[in-house]
Amino acid sequence: TMAKPRIVAIDDEAEFIDMLKNYFIPRGYEMDVALRGTKGIELVKEKKPNVVLMDLKMPGIDGDEALTLIKSMKPSPKVIFITAYDDGGKTKARLLKMGAYACLDKPISSLKDLEEMINRSVGG
């Protein structure tokens, strides 16, 4: 079997991070988490995950800046934004053009769908 993707989740909502951990870790995924963007970027550098789940609006760093930093890493993980922020799709379109793998709305309708997307993103 394929090794499961290694995930870093960056979100300043502790409840959301806990929900992700409670879903993915028991299913055998390695998941590291950060509540701040700058700490999250450090984790991505250190852990070299396959996938980064990230909120758009966080203290210390915004989505564009974080995406640019992550895309410059080698190998570069897939980035999935998960956000309640909505400006009629303008920001989503820009991030996808910049190389984000996907932009999902919060609240997440299905963690199972998210899991399938994560596995698809790494070709698993």
Protein backbone atom coordinates (compact mmCIF):
# COMPACT_ATOMS: atom_id res chain seq x y z
CA THR A 1 0.00 0.00 0.00
CA MET A 2 1.01 3.60 -0.57
CA ALA A 3 2.35 5.39 2.46
CA LYS A 4 -0.26 7.91 3.57
CA PRO A 5 0.50 11.53 2.83
CA ARG A 6 2.20 13.54 5.54
CA ILE A 7 0.13 16.62 6.38
CA VAL A 8 0.82 19.98 7.99
CA ALA A 9 -2.29 21.94 9.03
CA ILE A 10 -2.04 25.66 9.77
CA ASP A 11 -5.08 27.40 11.23
CA ASP A 12 -5.58 29.82 14.09
CA GLU A 13 -8.81 28.09 15.19
CA ALA A 14 -7.83 25.46 17.74
CA GLU A 15 -11.22 23.67 17.44
CA PHE A 16 -10.75 23.24 13.69
CA ILE A 17 -7.20 21.93 14.16
CA ASP A 18 -8.47 19.47 16.79
CA MET A 19 -11.20 18.26 14.44
CA LEU A 20 -8.63 17.61 11.71
CA LYS A 21 -6.29 15.80 14.10
CA ASN A 22 -9.14 13.68 15.49
CA TYR A 23 -10.04 12.61 11.95
CA PHE A 24 -6.67 12.09 10.30
CA ILE A 25 -4.35 10.80 13.02
CA PRO A 26 -6.47 7.73 13.96
CA ARG A 27 -6.58 6.90 10.23
CA GLY A 28 -2.81 6.60 10.11
CA TYR A 29 -1.83 9.99 8.72
CA GLU A 30 1.16 11.87 10.11
CA MET A 31 -0.13 15.34 10.90
CA ASP A 32 1.71 18.27 12.42
CA VAL A 33 -0.21 21.42 13.28
CA ALA A 34 0.42 25.10 13.93
CA LEU A 35 -1.89 27.85 15.11
CA ARG A 36 0.22 30.61 13.58
CA GLY A 37 1.28 31.11 10.00
CA THR A 38 4.94 31.77 10.67
CA LYS A 39 5.22 28.69 12.91
CA GLY A 40 3.40 26.73 10.22
CA ILE A 41 5.92 27.71 7.56
CA GLU A 42 8.74 26.56 9.86
CA LEU A 43 6.95 23.22 10.29
CA VAL A 44 6.58 22.82 6.53
CA LYS A 45 10.32 23.42 6.08
CA GLU A 46 11.17 20.96 8.84
CA LYS A 47 8.66 18.15 8.21
CA LYS A 48 8.58 18.31 4.38
CA PRO A 49 4.90 17.29 4.17
CA ASN A 50 3.14 16.16 1.00
CA VAL A 51 0.17 18.40 1.70
CA VAL A 52 -0.41 21.64 3.59
CA LEU A 53 -3.92 22.55 4.79
CA MET A 54 -4.08 26.25 5.49
CA ASP A 55 -6.44 29.04 6.40
CA LEU A 56 -6.32 32.18 4.31
CA LYS A 57 -6.36 34.86 6.99
CA MET A 58 -3.98 34.29 9.86
CA PRO A 59 -2.02 36.40 12.29
CA GLY A 60 1.47 37.09 10.99
CA ILE A 61 1.18 35.93 7.40
CA ASP A 62 -1.44 35.90 4.65
CA GLY A 63 -2.32 33.22 2.15
CA ASP A 64 -0.46 34.75 -0.78
CA GLU A 65 2.75 35.13 1.17
CA ALA A 66 2.52 31.64 2.67
CA LEU A 67 1.76 30.08 -0.72
CA THR A 68 4.71 31.85 -2.35
CA LEU A 69 7.05 30.60 0.39
CA ILE A 70 5.75 27.04 0.19
CA LYS A 71 5.85 26.93 -3.62
CA SER A 72 9.53 27.92 -3.49
CA MET A 73 10.42 24.83 -1.42
CA LYS A 74 11.81 21.71 -3.03
CA PRO A 75 9.95 19.40 -3.11
CA SER A 76 6.96 21.66 -2.97
CA PRO A 77 3.92 20.33 -1.09
CA LYS A 78 0.40 20.65 -2.41
CA VAL A 79 -1.46 23.51 -0.72
CA ILE A 80 -5.18 23.28 0.06
CA PHE A 81 -6.72 26.45 1.49
CA ILE A 82 -9.70 26.04 3.81
CA THR A 83 -11.39 29.31 4.63
CA ALA A 84 -14.60 31.01 5.62
CA TYR A 85 -13.40 34.18 3.90
CA ASP A 86 -15.35 35.01 0.77
CA ASP A 87 -14.92 37.89 -1.66
CA GLY A 88 -16.95 36.39 -4.48
CA GLY A 89 -14.17 34.04 -5.51
CA LYS A 90 -11.54 36.66 -6.41
CA THR A 91 -9.00 35.52 -3.84
CA LYS A 92 -9.65 31.85 -4.62
CA ALA A 93 -9.08 32.45 -8.32
CA ARG A 94 -5.84 34.29 -7.62
CA LEU A 95 -4.50 31.58 -5.28
CA LEU A 96 -5.35 28.81 -7.74
CA LYS A 97 -3.53 30.75 -10.46
CA MET A 98 -0.55 31.07 -8.11
CA GLY A 99 -0.45 27.32 -7.74
CA ALA A 100 -2.73 26.35 -4.86
CA TYR A 101 -4.13 22.84 -5.37
CA ALA A 102 -7.61 23.77 -4.11
CA CYS A 103 -9.57 26.31 -2.09
CA LEU A 104 -12.33 24.87 0.08
CA ASP A 105 -15.03 26.59 2.09
CA LYS A 106 -15.30 26.46 5.84
CA PRO A 107 -17.11 24.80 7.45
CA ILE A 108 -15.86 21.69 5.66
CA SER A 109 -18.88 19.74 4.46
CA SER A 110 -17.13 16.37 4.59
CA LEU A 111 -13.81 15.32 6.09
CA LYS A 112 -14.01 12.18 3.98
CA ASP A 113 -14.12 14.33 0.83
CA LEU A 114 -11.14 16.29 2.14
CA GLU A 115 -9.27 13.04 2.77
CA GLU A 116 -9.99 11.87 -0.78
CA MET A 117 -8.79 15.22 -2.18
CA ILE A 118 -5.55 14.98 -0.14
CA ASN A 119 -4.90 11.50 -1.49
CA ARG A 120 -5.69 12.58 -5.06
CA SER A 121 -3.38 15.57 -4.78
CA VAL A 122 -0.36 13.35 -4.15
CA GLY A 123 -1.43 10.77 -6.70
CA GLY A 124 -2.29 8.17 -4.04
